[in-house]
Each structure stands twice: as C-alpha cells, then as structure tokens.
Amino acid sequence: MKILLTGFEPFGGEPVNPALEAVKKLNGKTVAGASVSFCELPTVRWKSLERLEKAIAEVDPDVVVSVGQAGGRTDVTPERIAINVDDYRIKDNDGNQPVDDLIAPEGPAAYRSTLPIKAMVSAMKEKGVPASVSNTAGTFVCNHVFYGLMHILAKEGNRRKGGFVHIPYLPEQAARLGGQPSMSLDCIVEGLEAALAAAVTVEDDHKKIGGAIC
C-alpha cells in the first residue's frame, strides 16, 4: 500500500508551516506496511489542486491525507467535512482573495472525509497526542484542497481513501505570535504517524461521540 501526504508552503507572513515540516519528517517511512510519500503544495487557490492531482497520478496512492496549519487549535484534528466554498479572510500566496465562490460549480455542497477519523483520533490519544474531530476546515486554501481532493477521488469512483488533518502552531510560532497554543514538531509527527496507521488498517470507523454542540 502507498500513502500520499501533502503539506502547504508557509503563508500569511509566517516563515514556517508546521504541516510541511511534519510531512517531510514522515516521507520515506513505512507505516502499518504502507510506504509514505510527500508532496509540497503551494498555498494558492487553483495551483494547489493542480499540484495535488499531478502527485496523485504520479504516486498512485491508496490513501491521500492532506495536512494544514490551524492556528489557535490545541489538538491534531482530522476534519469531518469539506464545503464547496472559497471565502478567504486573507489573500493566498498569489494574492487571490475570492468571496463566496464555488470550488466546483458542478459539485455537491459538501464532501465527507473517507478516512476513519474517529479511529485516527483514538490512535493518537493512545500515543498521548492531543486529538479530536473537527467539524470545520474553514474556507481558506485548506478547505479548498480538502474539497478538491474529495472531488477528485469521487470522480475516480472513490477507489482511494482521502481526507484532511489540521495541526496546531509550532512553539516558535506561538512564541512569536503571543498567546497561541502550540505543539512540538515531534508530537505532531507522532500523532500523524498513529493517525496514518489507523487510516490504513481501519475499514469501519469507530462509533464514538465526536460531535460538538456549536
């Protein structure tokens, strides 16, 4: 089996993106019998999906997991759902700032992850890594890639598993920004490795509460 991991280049004025640093650490590893490859995505609206689709064609993975930075979060958070909208609070790295645009005009309003997200959370917690299910991937390039990924996989007939995971800031980012939660790179990598093992081995997701009141 093969896993394709993606991580974004830095954006928003940050010199580092923990998602890219984490997936680079996992590149070349074998997780639960599956070989891991990584791809760096530009934090740019359409270019990100062009690069992602090319990487899928090159690697031909069984599982695709895109990883992104979510400043302010305390946990590693597998995402439940991607929505068909681009509404950027800040500009992407090419200066794009769409408002209320559809990602795929012919696509559904939303796609659910096909990863076993609750099993992934359980696996991370067993390793002592703070983790929880997220029910919103935002409306920036992370959601754009998550939705675009699931749209690509749906058009292929869903023969691969796919989804998105958000991770917190690194400590050096939190120190610079002030008052933000963070997680060490080693902890993030350990969590992602446990999550990937669950993604490869678990077919039917755990039936555990992972919702939110609001």
C-alpha atoms as a PDB file:
ATOM      1  CA  MET A   1       0.000   0.000   0.000  1.00  0.00           C
ATOM      2  CA  LYS A   2       1.010   3.613  -0.562  1.00  0.00           C
ATOM      3  CA  ILE A   3       0.164   6.806   1.318  1.00  0.00           C
ATOM      4  CA  LEU A   4       0.455  10.276  -0.181  1.00  0.00           C
ATOM      5  CA  LEU A   5       0.877  13.063   2.369  1.00  0.00           C
ATOM      6  CA  THR A   6       0.680  16.722   1.409  1.00  0.00           C
ATOM      7  CA  GLY A   7       1.695  19.850   3.296  1.00  0.00           C
ATOM      8  CA  PHE A   8       1.491  23.530   2.418  1.00  0.00           C
ATOM      9  CA  GLU A   9       4.258  26.055   1.972  1.00  0.00           C
ATOM     10  CA  PRO A  10       4.289  28.870   4.598  1.00  0.00           C
ATOM     11  CA  PHE A  11       1.632  31.561   4.228  1.00  0.00           C
ATOM     12  CA  GLY A  12       0.238  34.625   5.947  1.00  0.00           C
ATOM     13  CA  GLY A  13       3.686  36.079   6.589  1.00  0.00           C
ATOM     14  CA  GLU A  14       4.893  33.046   8.566  1.00  0.00           C
ATOM     15  CA  PRO A  15       8.428  31.774   7.781  1.00  0.00           C
ATOM     16  CA  VAL A  16       7.456  28.167   8.531  1.00  0.00           C
ATOM     17  CA  ASN A  17       4.457  25.907   8.081  1.00  0.00           C
ATOM     18  CA  PRO A  18       4.279  23.020  10.595  1.00  0.00           C
ATOM     19  CA  ALA A  19       2.279  20.937   8.124  1.00  0.00           C
ATOM     20  CA  LEU A  20       5.121  20.918   5.615  1.00  0.00           C
ATOM     21  CA  GLU A  21       7.747  20.250   8.275  1.00  0.00           C
ATOM     22  CA  ALA A  22       5.737  17.326   9.674  1.00  0.00           C
ATOM     23  CA  VAL A  23       5.039  15.578   6.376  1.00  0.00           C
ATOM     24  CA  LYS A  24       8.697  15.895   5.364  1.00  0.00           C
ATOM     25  CA  LYS A  25       9.611  14.004   8.557  1.00  0.00           C
ATOM     26  CA  LEU A  26       7.314  11.146   7.513  1.00  0.00           C
ATOM     27  CA  ASN A  27       8.477  10.969   3.902  1.00  0.00           C
ATOM     28  CA  GLY A  28      10.015   7.601   3.084  1.00  0.00           C
ATOM     29  CA  LYS A  29       8.716   5.862   6.213  1.00  0.00           C
ATOM     30  CA  THR A  30       6.688   2.682   6.259  1.00  0.00           C
ATOM     31  CA  VAL A  31       3.536   2.946   8.385  1.00  0.00           C
ATOM     32  CA  ALA A  32       1.426  -0.160   9.006  1.00  0.00           C
ATOM     33  CA  GLY A  33       3.006  -1.736   5.922  1.00  0.00           C
ATOM     34  CA  ALA A  34       2.315   1.287   3.707  1.00  0.00           C
ATOM     35  CA  SER A  35       5.063   3.407   2.165  1.00  0.00           C
ATOM     36  CA  VAL A  36       4.754   7.177   2.675  1.00  0.00           C
ATOM     37  CA  SER A  37       5.491   9.850   0.065  1.00  0.00           C
ATOM     38  CA  PHE A  38       5.018  13.574   0.471  1.00  0.00           C
ATOM     39  CA  CYS A  39       4.168  16.468  -1.792  1.00  0.00           C
ATOM     40  CA  GLU A  40       4.531  20.188  -1.059  1.00  0.00           C
ATOM     41  CA  LEU A  41       1.512  22.208  -2.137  1.00  0.00           C
ATOM     42  CA  PRO A  42       1.529  25.923  -2.919  1.00  0.00           C
ATOM     43  CA  THR A  43      -0.808  27.904  -0.675  1.00  0.00           C
ATOM     44  CA  VAL A  44      -2.529  29.133  -3.789  1.00  0.00           C
ATOM     45  CA  ARG A  45      -6.104  28.544  -4.783  1.00  0.00           C
ATOM     46  CA  TRP A  46      -6.015  26.589  -8.064  1.00  0.00           C
ATOM     47  CA  LYS A  47      -2.305  25.796  -8.196  1.00  0.00           C
ATOM     48  CA  SER A  48      -2.675  23.674  -5.062  1.00  0.00           C
ATOM     49  CA  LEU A  49      -5.182  21.354  -6.725  1.00  0.00           C
ATOM     50  CA  GLU A  50      -3.164  21.163  -9.932  1.00  0.00           C
ATOM     51  CA  ARG A  51      -0.130  20.017  -7.929  1.00  0.00           C
ATOM     52  CA  LEU A  52      -2.244  17.609  -5.862  1.00  0.00           C
ATOM     53  CA  GLU A  53      -3.824  15.968  -8.905  1.00  0.00           C
ATOM     54  CA  LYS A  54      -0.391  15.579 -10.503  1.00  0.00           C
ATOM     55  CA  ALA A  55       1.004  13.969  -7.334  1.00  0.00           C
ATOM     56  CA  ILE A  56      -1.898  11.506  -7.161  1.00  0.00           C
ATOM     57  CA  ALA A  57      -1.241  10.486 -10.762  1.00  0.00           C
ATOM     58  CA  GLU A  58       2.495  10.095 -10.080  1.00  0.00           C
ATOM     59  CA  VAL A  59       2.267   8.155  -6.799  1.00  0.00           C
ATOM     60  CA  ASP A  60      -0.988   6.233  -7.376  1.00  0.00           C
ATOM     61  CA  PRO A  61      -1.636   6.062  -3.602  1.00  0.00           C
ATOM     62  CA  ASP A  62      -4.197   4.011  -1.715  1.00  0.00           C
ATOM     63  CA  VAL A  63      -4.631   6.760   0.894  1.00  0.00           C
ATOM     64  CA  VAL A  64      -4.271  10.534   0.489  1.00  0.00           C
ATOM     65  CA  VAL A  65      -4.008  12.753   3.560  1.00  0.00           C
ATOM     66  CA  SER A  66      -3.573  16.498   3.243  1.00  0.00           C
ATOM     67  CA  VAL A  67      -2.232  18.337   6.291  1.00  0.00           C
ATOM     68  CA  GLY A  68      -2.605  22.008   7.115  1.00  0.00           C
ATOM     69  CA  GLN A  69      -1.885  24.540   9.852  1.00  0.00           C
ATOM     70  CA  ALA A  70      -4.747  25.732  12.053  1.00  0.00           C
ATOM     71  CA  GLY A  71      -3.537  28.496  14.327  1.00  0.00           C
ATOM     72  CA  GLY A  72      -5.387  28.581  17.637  1.00  0.00           C
ATOM     73  CA  ARG A  73      -6.122  24.863  17.842  1.00  0.00           C
ATOM     74  CA  THR A  74      -4.803  22.781  20.704  1.00  0.00           C
ATOM     75  CA  ASP A  75      -5.226  19.340  19.108  1.00  0.00           C
ATOM     76  CA  VAL A  76      -4.365  17.432  15.974  1.00  0.00           C
ATOM     77  CA  THR A  77      -7.752  17.441  14.280  1.00  0.00           C
ATOM     78  CA  PRO A  78      -8.895  15.149  11.463  1.00  0.00           C
ATOM     79  CA  GLU A  79     -11.559  17.004   9.526  1.00  0.00           C
ATOM     80  CA  ARG A  80     -15.031  15.557   9.047  1.00  0.00           C
ATOM     81  CA  ILE A  81     -16.344  17.659   6.161  1.00  0.00           C
ATOM     82  CA  ALA A  82     -15.257  19.917   3.299  1.00  0.00           C
ATOM     83  CA  ILE A  83     -17.601  22.559   1.928  1.00  0.00           C
ATOM     84  CA  ASN A  84     -17.934  23.873  -1.609  1.00  0.00           C
ATOM     85  CA  VAL A  85     -16.976  27.493  -0.976  1.00  0.00           C
ATOM     86  CA  ASP A  86     -13.930  29.750  -1.157  1.00  0.00           C
ATOM     87  CA  ASP A  87     -14.240  32.783   1.136  1.00  0.00           C
ATOM     88  CA  TYR A  88     -10.707  33.922   2.018  1.00  0.00           C
ATOM     89  CA  ARG A  89     -10.185  36.117   5.073  1.00  0.00           C
ATOM     90  CA  ILE A  90      -6.630  36.794   3.837  1.00  0.00           C
ATOM     91  CA  LYS A  91      -5.004  36.588   0.426  1.00  0.00           C
ATOM     92  CA  ASP A  92      -3.356  33.384  -0.672  1.00  0.00           C
ATOM     93  CA  ASN A  93       0.282  33.393  -1.759  1.00  0.00           C
ATOM     94  CA  ASP A  94      -0.620  34.606  -5.258  1.00  0.00           C
ATOM     95  CA  GLY A  95      -2.855  37.405  -3.977  1.00  0.00           C
ATOM     96  CA  ASN A  96      -6.171  35.650  -4.637  1.00  0.00           C
ATOM     97  CA  GLN A  97      -8.996  36.521  -2.237  1.00  0.00           C
ATOM     98  CA  PRO A  98     -12.274  35.043  -3.505  1.00  0.00           C
ATOM     99  CA  VAL A  99     -15.515  35.785  -1.687  1.00  0.00           C
ATOM    100  CA  ASP A 100     -18.351  33.238  -1.671  1.00  0.00           C
ATOM    101  CA  ASP A 101     -17.066  31.441  -4.783  1.00  0.00           C
ATOM    102  CA  LEU A 102     -17.802  27.795  -5.512  1.00  0.00           C
ATOM    103  CA  ILE A 103     -14.807  25.490  -5.694  1.00  0.00           C
ATOM    104  CA  ALA A 104     -16.578  23.147  -8.114  1.00  0.00           C
ATOM    105  CA  PRO A 105     -19.783  24.586  -9.639  1.00  0.00           C
ATOM    106  CA  GLU A 106     -20.882  21.088 -10.660  1.00  0.00           C
ATOM    107  CA  GLY A 107     -20.019  19.563  -7.288  1.00  0.00           C
ATOM    108  CA  PRO A 108     -22.141  18.890  -4.194  1.00  0.00           C
ATOM    109  CA  ALA A 109     -22.390  21.340  -1.317  1.00  0.00           C
ATOM    110  CA  ALA A 110     -20.034  19.217   0.780  1.00  0.00           C
ATOM    111  CA  TYR A 111     -17.964  16.041   0.918  1.00  0.00           C
ATOM    112  CA  ARG A 112     -17.288  13.895   3.966  1.00  0.00           C
ATOM    113  CA  SER A 113     -13.827  12.508   4.642  1.00  0.00           C
ATOM    114  CA  THR A 114     -13.465   8.855   3.715  1.00  0.00           C
ATOM    115  CA  LEU A 115     -10.803   8.372   6.383  1.00  0.00           C
ATOM    116  CA  PRO A 116     -11.718   6.649   9.675  1.00  0.00           C
ATOM    117  CA  ILE A 117     -11.421   9.950  11.538  1.00  0.00           C
ATOM    118  CA  LYS A 118     -12.594   8.737  14.961  1.00  0.00           C
ATOM    119  CA  ALA A 119     -10.271   5.746  14.848  1.00  0.00           C
ATOM    120  CA  MET A 120      -7.474   8.149  13.942  1.00  0.00           C
ATOM    121  CA  VAL A 121      -8.300  10.321  16.968  1.00  0.00           C
ATOM    122  CA  SER A 122      -8.326   7.245  19.219  1.00  0.00           C
ATOM    123  CA  ALA A 123      -4.964   6.092  17.867  1.00  0.00           C
ATOM    124  CA  MET A 124      -3.404   9.486  18.510  1.00  0.00           C
ATOM    125  CA  LYS A 125      -4.791   9.706  22.032  1.00  0.00           C
ATOM    126  CA  GLU A 126      -3.370   6.257  22.791  1.00  0.00           C
ATOM    127  CA  LYS A 127       0.048   7.714  21.962  1.00  0.00           C
ATOM    128  CA  GLY A 128      -0.568  10.640  24.304  1.00  0.00           C
ATOM    129  CA  VAL A 129      -1.111  13.136  21.485  1.00  0.00           C
ATOM    130  CA  PRO A 130      -3.985  15.619  21.987  1.00  0.00           C
ATOM    131  CA  ALA A 131      -6.502  14.925  19.212  1.00  0.00           C
ATOM    132  CA  SER A 132     -10.149  15.490  18.357  1.00  0.00           C
ATOM    133  CA  VAL A 133     -12.520  15.501  15.395  1.00  0.00           C
ATOM    134  CA  SER A 134     -13.001  18.882  13.712  1.00  0.00           C
ATOM    135  CA  ASN A 135     -16.260  19.763  12.017  1.00  0.00           C
ATOM    136  CA  THR A 136     -14.985  22.737  10.035  1.00  0.00           C
ATOM    137  CA  ALA A 137     -11.949  23.036   7.802  1.00  0.00           C
ATOM    138  CA  GLY A 138     -12.516  26.766   7.329  1.00  0.00           C
ATOM    139  CA  THR A 139     -12.967  28.471   3.966  1.00  0.00           C
ATOM    140  CA  PHE A 140      -9.336  29.148   3.006  1.00  0.00           C
ATOM    141  CA  VAL A 141      -6.912  27.035   0.946  1.00  0.00           C
ATOM    142  CA  CYS A 142      -7.047  24.115   3.421  1.00  0.00           C
ATOM    143  CA  ASN A 143     -10.749  23.615   2.788  1.00  0.00           C
ATOM    144  CA  HIS A 144     -10.171  24.293  -0.909  1.00  0.00           C
ATOM    145  CA  VAL A 145      -7.685  21.402  -1.075  1.00  0.00           C
ATOM    146  CA  PHE A 146      -9.820  19.138   1.128  1.00  0.00           C
ATOM    147  CA  TYR A 147     -12.883  19.692  -1.050  1.00  0.00           C
ATOM    148  CA  GLY A 148     -10.834  19.476  -4.242  1.00  0.00           C
ATOM    149  CA  LEU A 149      -9.231  16.228  -3.095  1.00  0.00           C
ATOM    150  CA  MET A 150     -12.568  14.612  -2.328  1.00  0.00           C
ATOM    151  CA  HIS A 151     -13.952  15.841  -5.660  1.00  0.00           C
ATOM    152  CA  ILE A 152     -11.002  14.229  -7.468  1.00  0.00           C
ATOM    153  CA  LEU A 153     -11.473  10.965  -5.566  1.00  0.00           C
ATOM    154  CA  ALA A 154     -15.234  10.963  -6.182  1.00  0.00           C
ATOM    155  CA  LYS A 155     -14.704  11.375  -9.921  1.00  0.00           C
ATOM    156  CA  GLU A 156     -12.344   8.364  -9.799  1.00  0.00           C
ATOM    157  CA  GLY A 157     -15.032   6.263  -8.124  1.00  0.00           C
ATOM    158  CA  ASN A 158     -13.692   6.563  -4.555  1.00  0.00           C
ATOM    159  CA  ARG A 159     -11.156   3.790  -5.018  1.00  0.00           C
ATOM    160  CA  ARG A 160      -8.811   5.590  -2.611  1.00  0.00           C
ATOM    161  CA  LYS A 161      -9.354   6.866   0.929  1.00  0.00           C
ATOM    162  CA  GLY A 162      -8.815  10.563   1.453  1.00  0.00           C
ATOM    163  CA  GLY A 163      -9.191  13.414   3.868  1.00  0.00           C
ATOM    164  CA  PHE A 164      -7.593  16.304   5.723  1.00  0.00           C
ATOM    165  CA  VAL A 165      -5.905  16.838   9.088  1.00  0.00           C
ATOM    166  CA  HIS A 166      -5.255  20.203  10.758  1.00  0.00           C
ATOM    167  CA  ILE A 167      -2.404  20.683  13.213  1.00  0.00           C
ATOM    168  CA  PRO A 168      -1.522  23.462  15.712  1.00  0.00           C
ATOM    169  CA  TYR A 169       1.232  26.045  15.536  1.00  0.00           C
ATOM    170  CA  LEU A 170       4.788  25.094  16.429  1.00  0.00           C
ATOM    171  CA  PRO A 171       6.142  26.545  19.713  1.00  0.00           C
ATOM    172  CA  GLU A 172       8.376  29.028  17.868  1.00  0.00           C
ATOM    173  CA  GLN A 173       5.338  30.368  16.027  1.00  0.00           C
ATOM    174  CA  ALA A 174       3.364  30.682  19.259  1.00  0.00           C
ATOM    175  CA  ALA A 175       6.269  32.498  20.917  1.00  0.00           C
ATOM    176  CA  ARG A 176       6.418  34.971  18.056  1.00  0.00           C
ATOM    177  CA  LEU A 177       2.659  35.487  17.757  1.00  0.00           C
ATOM    178  CA  GLY A 178       1.959  35.531  21.507  1.00  0.00           C
ATOM    179  CA  GLY A 179      -0.840  33.828  23.414  1.00  0.00           C
ATOM    180  CA  GLN A 180      -1.394  30.981  20.949  1.00  0.00           C
ATOM    181  CA  PRO A 181      -1.491  27.235  21.725  1.00  0.00           C
ATOM    182  CA  SER A 182       1.190  25.110  20.114  1.00  0.00           C
ATOM    183  CA  MET A 183       2.551  21.589  19.783  1.00  0.00           C
ATOM    184  CA  SER A 184       6.088  20.337  19.256  1.00  0.00           C
ATOM    185  CA  LEU A 185       7.017  19.007  15.848  1.00  0.00           C
ATOM    186  CA  ASP A 186       7.933  15.629  17.362  1.00  0.00           C
ATOM    187  CA  CYS A 187       4.487  15.352  18.949  1.00  0.00           C
ATOM    188  CA  ILE A 188       2.768  16.324  15.696  1.00  0.00           C
ATOM    189  CA  VAL A 189       4.770  13.740  13.748  1.00  0.00           C
ATOM    190  CA  GLU A 190       4.000  11.033  16.304  1.00  0.00           C
ATOM    191  CA  GLY A 191       0.317  11.886  16.102  1.00  0.00           C
ATOM    192  CA  LEU A 192       0.241  11.865  12.318  1.00  0.00           C
ATOM    193  CA  GLU A 193       2.057   8.542  12.191  1.00  0.00           C
ATOM    194  CA  ALA A 194      -0.519   6.987  14.527  1.00  0.00           C
ATOM    195  CA  ALA A 195      -3.333   8.536  12.501  1.00  0.00           C
ATOM    196  CA  LEU A 196      -1.924   7.148   9.263  1.00  0.00           C
ATOM    197  CA  ALA A 197      -1.660   3.662  10.756  1.00  0.00           C
ATOM    198  CA  ALA A 198      -5.351   3.827  11.640  1.00  0.00           C
ATOM    199  CA  ALA A 199      -6.211   5.176   8.187  1.00  0.00           C
ATOM    200  CA  VAL A 200      -4.513   2.175   6.581  1.00  0.00           C
ATOM    201  CA  THR A 201      -5.788  -0.564   8.893  1.00  0.00           C
ATOM    202  CA  VAL A 202      -9.307   0.503   9.945  1.00  0.00           C
ATOM    203  CA  GLU A 203     -12.098  -0.107   7.442  1.00  0.00           C
ATOM    204  CA  ASP A 204     -15.160   0.671   9.576  1.00  0.00           C
ATOM    205  CA  ASP A 205     -14.724   3.781  11.686  1.00  0.00           C
ATOM    206  CA  HIS A 206     -15.280   3.729  15.436  1.00  0.00           C
ATOM    207  CA  LYS A 207     -18.776   4.580  16.629  1.00  0.00           C
ATOM    208  CA  LYS A 208     -17.748   7.108  19.253  1.00  0.00           C
ATOM    209  CA  ILE A 209     -19.082  10.555  20.057  1.00  0.00           C
ATOM    210  CA  GLY A 210     -17.047  13.172  18.248  1.00  0.00           C
ATOM    211  CA  GLY A 211     -19.539  15.927  17.685  1.00  0.00           C
ATOM    212  CA  ALA A 212     -19.839  19.427  19.055  1.00  0.00           C
ATOM    213  CA  ILE A 213     -22.771  21.439  20.421  1.00  0.00           C
ATOM    214  CA  CYS A 214     -21.712  24.520  18.467  1.00  0.00           C
END
